[in-house]
Amino acid sequence: MGTPEFAVPSLEKIFNAGYEIPAVITAPDKAAGRGMQLNESAVKKFALSKNLKILQPEKLKNSEFLNELKKLRADLQVVVAFRMLPEVVWNMPSMGTINLHASLLPQYRGAAPINWAIINGEKETGVTTFKLQHEIDTGNILLQKKIKIGEDETAGELHNEMMETGADLLLQTIQDLQKNNLKEIEQPDIQQATGNRQQANFHHAPKIFRETCKINWEKNAEEIYNLIRGLSPYPAAFTFLKEKKIKIFKAEKEIRDVKENAGEIISDKKTFLKFVCNNGYLSIKELQIEGKKKMNVADFLRGWR
């Protein structure tokens, strides 16, 4: 069960390992673009290329879908970047349902763990396989693999690394489950830990909204730099330049004393464009102004008056 590109290597490795895949379950096709043509998910495209049976339920509690799911008689269900499953679905197989999550659980439970790990300036993250249960991302941990986060690494780069590392971990999990070699580890009940150190050090990974992406130049350069990295290439941090919205994909930070006010712009109008923050500057390297394509700062300044 999966939808975006992140889930494809996992499906591919399970397929190549010779496991029988009775069906692939993915999101319904969506109309997109100017012509509103139907777009197939990345997982569906791969499944079609391997002639795998595909189910695309609108609602996961639909009786027709549930009946079809029962007929598959799957031993195990595998979830990678899909929807929240009702108990009637995740509890159906004899071996249960396992999920791949892009963090070292219980840290960064939620919809955007890759983004928030970078936004918060983490130096390390990882991938986790776990058993599904009622509360989202709270099931018993099966396996984990740590991943270093580079000083200048973006969410897009980390996504690609996690996509491959996670697929390997998932395959290992399935193989170990088959051999009955895994011991499940209960996650701590973070919600009950109010007031202790564990609660203070626990980070959530909620969905990214527009207000998350707007840059506050009153913050320090490190925080803003991490926000830009953590939202690049999508949905991208943004600010305004002469009332025009600009998305920022790449920048360099300069930590030093400043005399200018936060948010002020410094530029030679040819090669560099800097924004002032409270302890230095953010030098913009790659950006996109509304209505235009993504470009480097020199090309942008040539066309900007």
Protein backbone atom coordinates (compact mmCIF):
# COMPACT_ATOMS: atom_id res chain seq x y z
CA MET A 1 0.00 0.00 0.00
CA GLY A 2 1.64 3.21 -1.16
CA THR A 3 1.31 6.17 -3.50
CA PRO A 4 4.29 8.51 -4.14
CA GLU A 5 7.78 8.00 -5.54
CA PHE A 6 9.11 7.36 -2.01
CA ALA A 7 7.24 4.03 -1.95
CA VAL A 8 8.44 2.70 -5.32
CA PRO A 9 11.91 1.32 -4.32
CA SER A 10 10.26 -0.58 -1.44
CA LEU A 11 7.78 -2.21 -3.81
CA GLU A 12 10.53 -2.91 -6.33
CA LYS A 13 12.77 -4.64 -3.77
CA ILE A 14 9.89 -6.82 -2.50
CA PHE A 15 9.05 -7.74 -6.09
CA ASN A 16 12.67 -8.49 -7.04
CA ALA A 17 13.11 -10.62 -3.90
CA GLY A 18 10.50 -13.00 -5.30
CA TYR A 19 7.70 -12.46 -2.81
CA GLU A 20 4.19 -13.02 -4.12
CA ILE A 21 2.38 -9.68 -4.30
CA PRO A 22 -1.34 -10.45 -4.61
CA ALA A 23 -2.20 -6.76 -5.08
CA VAL A 24 -0.89 -3.23 -4.95
CA ILE A 25 -3.19 -0.68 -3.33
CA THR A 26 -2.70 2.97 -4.23
CA ALA A 27 -4.55 6.28 -4.46
CA PRO A 28 -7.17 6.85 -7.19
CA ASP A 29 -5.97 8.70 -10.31
CA LYS A 30 -6.22 12.48 -9.93
CA ALA A 31 -6.93 15.16 -12.52
CA ALA A 32 -4.11 17.69 -12.72
CA GLY A 33 -2.57 20.30 -15.01
CA ARG A 34 -4.18 22.68 -17.48
CA GLY A 35 -5.86 19.88 -19.38
CA MET A 36 -7.02 18.22 -16.13
CA GLN A 37 -5.71 14.90 -17.38
CA LEU A 38 -5.79 11.93 -15.01
CA ASN A 39 -2.44 11.31 -13.34
CA GLU A 40 -1.44 7.86 -12.11
CA SER A 41 0.54 7.54 -8.89
CA ALA A 42 4.22 6.55 -9.06
CA VAL A 43 3.35 3.26 -7.36
CA LYS A 44 0.62 2.51 -9.90
CA LYS A 45 2.99 3.14 -12.81
CA PHE A 46 5.49 0.65 -11.39
CA ALA A 47 2.76 -1.92 -10.65
CA LEU A 48 1.48 -1.65 -14.23
CA SER A 49 5.00 -2.23 -15.58
CA LYS A 50 5.14 -5.51 -13.64
CA ASN A 51 1.56 -6.58 -14.44
CA LEU A 52 0.56 -6.54 -10.77
CA LYS A 53 -3.09 -6.41 -9.69
CA ILE A 54 -4.01 -2.84 -8.67
CA LEU A 55 -6.74 -1.64 -6.31
CA GLN A 56 -7.57 2.07 -6.01
CA PRO A 57 -10.29 2.47 -3.37
CA GLU A 58 -11.85 5.89 -2.77
CA LYS A 59 -12.84 4.80 0.74
CA LEU A 60 -10.99 2.19 2.75
CA LYS A 61 -14.13 1.08 4.62
CA ASN A 62 -16.07 0.42 1.41
CA SER A 63 -17.59 -3.08 1.62
CA GLU A 64 -16.59 -3.99 -1.97
CA PHE A 65 -12.97 -3.06 -1.28
CA LEU A 66 -12.93 -4.96 2.04
CA ASN A 67 -14.34 -8.06 0.38
CA GLU A 68 -11.74 -7.88 -2.37
CA LEU A 69 -9.01 -7.42 0.25
CA LYS A 70 -10.18 -10.55 2.13
CA LYS A 71 -10.10 -12.60 -1.07
CA LEU A 72 -6.39 -11.78 -1.49
CA ARG A 73 -5.64 -13.75 1.72
CA ALA A 74 -2.42 -11.83 2.26
CA ASP A 75 -0.11 -13.01 5.06
CA LEU A 76 1.28 -9.51 5.51
CA GLN A 77 0.36 -5.98 4.44
CA VAL A 78 3.13 -3.46 3.80
CA VAL A 79 2.46 0.29 3.99
CA VAL A 80 4.81 2.99 2.65
CA ALA A 81 3.56 6.59 2.34
CA PHE A 82 -0.13 5.73 2.11
CA ARG A 83 -3.23 6.81 4.02
CA MET A 84 -4.27 6.17 7.62
CA LEU A 85 -5.81 2.70 7.67
CA PRO A 86 -8.92 1.68 9.61
CA GLU A 87 -8.49 -1.25 12.01
CA VAL A 88 -10.59 -3.52 9.81
CA VAL A 89 -7.87 -3.16 7.16
CA TRP A 90 -4.63 -3.21 9.16
CA ASN A 91 -5.80 -6.07 11.38
CA MET A 92 -6.81 -8.34 8.47
CA PRO A 93 -3.63 -10.32 7.62
CA SER A 94 -2.43 -13.12 9.91
CA MET A 95 0.96 -11.39 10.35
CA GLY A 96 -0.56 -7.92 10.63
CA THR A 97 0.47 -4.77 8.78
CA ILE A 98 3.90 -3.12 8.85
CA ASN A 99 4.79 0.45 7.99
CA LEU A 100 7.99 2.23 6.93
CA HIS A 101 8.40 5.65 8.57
CA ALA A 102 11.05 8.26 7.73
CA SER A 103 12.31 8.95 11.26
CA LEU A 104 13.73 7.19 14.30
CA LEU A 105 10.45 6.63 16.10
CA PRO A 106 9.15 7.76 18.56
CA GLN A 107 10.78 10.96 17.30
CA TYR A 108 9.02 12.84 14.49
CA ARG A 109 5.71 11.05 14.37
CA GLY A 110 3.51 12.64 11.73
CA ALA A 111 3.19 13.58 8.09
CA ALA A 112 6.46 15.46 7.42
CA PRO A 113 9.33 13.86 9.38
CA ILE A 114 12.01 14.57 6.76
CA ASN A 115 11.20 18.28 6.60
CA TRP A 116 10.98 18.82 10.36
CA ALA A 117 14.21 16.98 11.15
CA ILE A 118 16.12 19.45 8.94
CA ILE A 119 14.08 22.50 10.02
CA ASN A 120 14.95 21.68 13.64
CA GLY A 121 18.65 21.41 12.80
CA GLU A 122 19.02 17.70 13.56
CA LYS A 123 22.37 16.09 12.71
CA GLU A 124 20.92 12.57 12.59
CA THR A 125 17.66 10.88 11.67
CA GLY A 126 16.75 7.49 10.25
CA VAL A 127 14.09 5.06 9.10
CA THR A 128 11.89 2.75 11.16
CA THR A 129 9.73 -0.26 10.40
CA PHE A 130 6.91 -0.90 12.85
CA LYS A 131 3.61 -2.71 13.35
CA LEU A 132 0.48 -0.66 12.78
CA GLN A 133 -1.95 -0.10 15.65
CA HIS A 134 -4.71 2.39 16.55
CA GLU A 135 -2.78 5.64 17.11
CA ILE A 136 -0.76 6.86 14.13
CA ASP A 137 2.99 6.05 14.19
CA THR A 138 2.80 4.49 17.67
CA GLY A 139 3.05 0.74 16.92
CA ASN A 140 5.77 -1.62 18.10
CA ILE A 141 9.15 -0.98 16.48
CA LEU A 142 10.66 -3.78 14.40
CA LEU A 143 13.91 -2.39 12.92
CA GLN A 144 15.67 0.98 12.69
CA LYS A 145 18.56 2.40 10.67
CA LYS A 146 20.30 5.69 11.49
CA ILE A 147 21.14 8.25 8.79
CA LYS A 148 23.44 11.27 9.13
CA ILE A 149 22.10 14.65 7.96
CA GLY A 150 24.69 16.72 6.10
CA GLU A 151 25.35 20.32 7.12
CA ASP A 152 23.95 21.62 3.82
CA GLU A 153 21.64 18.73 2.94
CA THR A 154 18.14 19.59 1.70
CA ALA A 155 14.88 17.75 2.34
CA GLY A 156 14.90 16.58 -1.28
CA GLU A 157 18.37 15.05 -0.96
CA LEU A 158 17.54 13.39 2.37
CA HIS A 159 14.26 12.10 0.91
CA ASN A 160 16.16 10.28 -1.85
CA GLU A 161 18.64 8.74 0.59
CA MET A 162 15.86 7.62 2.95
CA MET A 163 13.85 6.20 0.06
CA GLU A 164 16.63 3.71 -0.75
CA THR A 165 17.77 3.02 2.83
CA GLY A 166 14.15 2.53 3.90
CA ALA A 167 13.50 0.06 1.09
CA ASP A 168 16.47 -2.05 2.20
CA LEU A 169 15.30 -1.95 5.84
CA LEU A 170 11.78 -2.91 4.83
CA LEU A 171 12.96 -5.94 2.86
CA GLN A 172 15.14 -7.01 5.80
CA THR A 173 12.11 -6.64 8.09
CA ILE A 174 9.97 -8.89 5.88
CA GLN A 175 12.73 -11.50 5.68
CA ASP A 176 13.23 -11.47 9.47
CA LEU A 177 9.48 -11.69 10.10
CA GLN A 178 9.32 -14.69 7.79
CA LYS A 179 12.06 -16.39 9.85
CA ASN A 180 10.43 -15.28 13.12
CA ASN A 181 13.69 -13.49 14.02
CA LEU A 182 12.27 -10.14 15.19
CA LYS A 183 11.49 -8.97 18.68
CA GLU A 184 8.95 -6.14 18.77
CA ILE A 185 9.89 -3.11 20.88
CA GLU A 186 7.11 -1.03 22.42
CA GLN A 187 7.30 2.71 21.86
CA PRO A 188 7.20 4.86 25.01
CA ASP A 189 3.85 6.50 25.66
CA ILE A 190 4.94 10.07 24.98
CA GLN A 191 1.46 11.50 25.55
CA GLN A 192 1.54 10.24 29.17
CA ALA A 193 5.00 11.67 29.82
CA THR A 194 3.96 15.28 30.46
CA GLY A 195 6.51 17.19 32.50
CA ASN A 196 9.45 14.81 32.21
CA ARG A 197 12.57 15.04 30.05
CA GLN A 198 11.25 12.63 27.48
CA GLN A 199 8.33 14.94 26.74
CA ALA A 200 10.63 17.98 26.50
CA ASN A 201 12.88 16.25 23.95
CA PHE A 202 10.09 14.81 21.83
CA HIS A 203 9.53 16.34 18.39
CA HIS A 204 6.39 16.05 16.28
CA ALA A 205 6.29 16.20 12.47
CA PRO A 206 2.91 17.75 11.56
CA LYS A 207 1.81 18.52 8.02
CA ILE A 208 3.53 21.56 6.47
CA PHE A 209 1.19 24.53 5.98
CA ARG A 210 1.71 27.84 4.17
CA GLU A 211 2.43 29.74 7.39
CA THR A 212 5.27 27.29 8.17
CA CYS A 213 6.98 28.29 4.91
CA LYS A 214 7.02 32.07 5.39
CA ILE A 215 10.45 33.31 6.46
CA ASN A 216 10.69 35.47 9.57
CA TRP A 217 13.85 37.55 9.11
CA GLU A 218 13.88 38.43 12.83
CA LYS A 219 15.18 34.91 13.50
CA ASN A 220 18.84 33.99 13.41
CA ALA A 221 20.62 32.95 10.21
CA GLU A 222 20.98 29.30 11.28
CA GLU A 223 17.25 28.89 11.90
CA ILE A 224 16.32 30.50 8.57
CA TYR A 225 18.96 28.48 6.72
CA ASN A 226 17.55 25.26 8.21
CA LEU A 227 14.01 26.29 7.23
CA ILE A 228 15.12 26.85 3.61
CA ARG A 229 16.92 23.47 3.52
CA GLY A 230 14.02 21.70 5.20
CA LEU A 231 11.49 22.97 2.66
CA SER A 232 13.61 22.59 -0.50
CA PRO A 233 12.60 21.75 -3.16
CA TYR A 234 8.98 21.47 -2.01
CA PRO A 235 6.96 23.32 -0.84
CA ALA A 236 9.84 25.87 -0.48
CA ALA A 237 10.38 28.68 2.00
CA PHE A 238 9.22 32.08 0.75
CA THR A 239 9.45 35.79 1.37
CA PHE A 240 8.43 38.98 -0.46
CA LEU A 241 10.51 41.26 -2.65
CA LYS A 242 8.82 44.50 -3.73
CA GLU A 243 5.44 42.85 -2.94
CA LYS A 244 6.32 39.89 -5.20
CA LYS A 245 6.43 36.45 -3.58
CA ILE A 246 9.73 34.63 -4.06
CA LYS A 247 10.50 31.04 -3.17
CA ILE A 248 14.04 30.33 -1.97
CA PHE A 249 15.60 26.94 -2.71
CA LYS A 250 19.29 27.49 -1.95
CA ALA A 251 21.12 29.99 0.24
CA GLU A 252 24.34 30.48 2.18
CA LYS A 253 24.48 31.79 5.73
CA GLU A 254 26.92 34.43 6.97
CA ILE A 255 27.06 34.69 10.75
CA ARG A 256 28.33 38.11 11.86
CA ASP A 257 27.31 41.36 13.51
CA VAL A 258 24.90 43.45 11.43
CA LYS A 259 23.99 47.13 11.49
CA GLU A 260 21.00 46.88 9.15
CA ASN A 261 17.45 46.00 10.20
CA ALA A 262 16.21 42.43 9.87
CA GLY A 263 14.58 41.83 6.48
CA GLU A 264 16.54 44.55 4.66
CA ILE A 265 17.94 43.65 1.23
CA ILE A 266 21.56 44.15 0.17
CA SER A 267 22.56 43.64 -3.48
CA ASP A 268 25.01 44.82 -6.13
CA LYS A 269 22.13 44.22 -8.62
CA LYS A 270 24.40 41.90 -10.62
CA THR A 271 25.80 38.96 -8.67
CA PHE A 272 24.47 38.79 -5.12
CA LEU A 273 21.26 39.28 -3.16
CA LYS A 274 21.30 39.14 0.64
CA PHE A 275 18.63 39.40 3.31
CA VAL A 276 19.53 40.67 6.76
CA CYS A 277 18.63 38.54 9.78
CA ASN A 278 19.32 39.16 13.44
CA ASN A 279 22.85 37.73 13.54
CA GLY A 280 24.07 37.86 9.95
CA TYR A 281 22.95 37.49 6.34
CA LEU A 282 21.31 34.92 4.10
CA SER A 283 22.85 35.08 0.63
CA ILE A 284 20.32 33.75 -1.89
CA LYS A 285 21.65 31.32 -4.51
CA GLU A 286 18.56 29.86 -6.19
CA LEU A 287 15.05 31.32 -6.20
CA GLN A 288 11.79 31.61 -8.09
CA ILE A 289 9.63 34.70 -8.35
CA GLU A 290 5.89 34.18 -8.82
CA GLY A 291 5.00 33.56 -12.47
CA LYS A 292 8.59 32.71 -13.46
CA LYS A 293 10.78 29.61 -13.51
CA LYS A 294 13.40 28.67 -10.93
CA MET A 295 16.76 30.39 -11.57
CA ASN A 296 20.10 31.26 -10.01
CA VAL A 297 20.50 34.68 -8.43
CA ALA A 298 22.65 36.20 -11.22
CA ASP A 299 20.04 35.35 -13.87
CA PHE A 300 17.33 36.72 -11.61
CA LEU A 301 19.12 40.02 -11.04
CA ARG A 302 19.71 40.51 -14.77
CA GLY A 303 15.96 40.55 -15.32
CA TRP A 304 14.94 42.35 -12.12
CA ARG A 305 14.53 46.10 -11.96
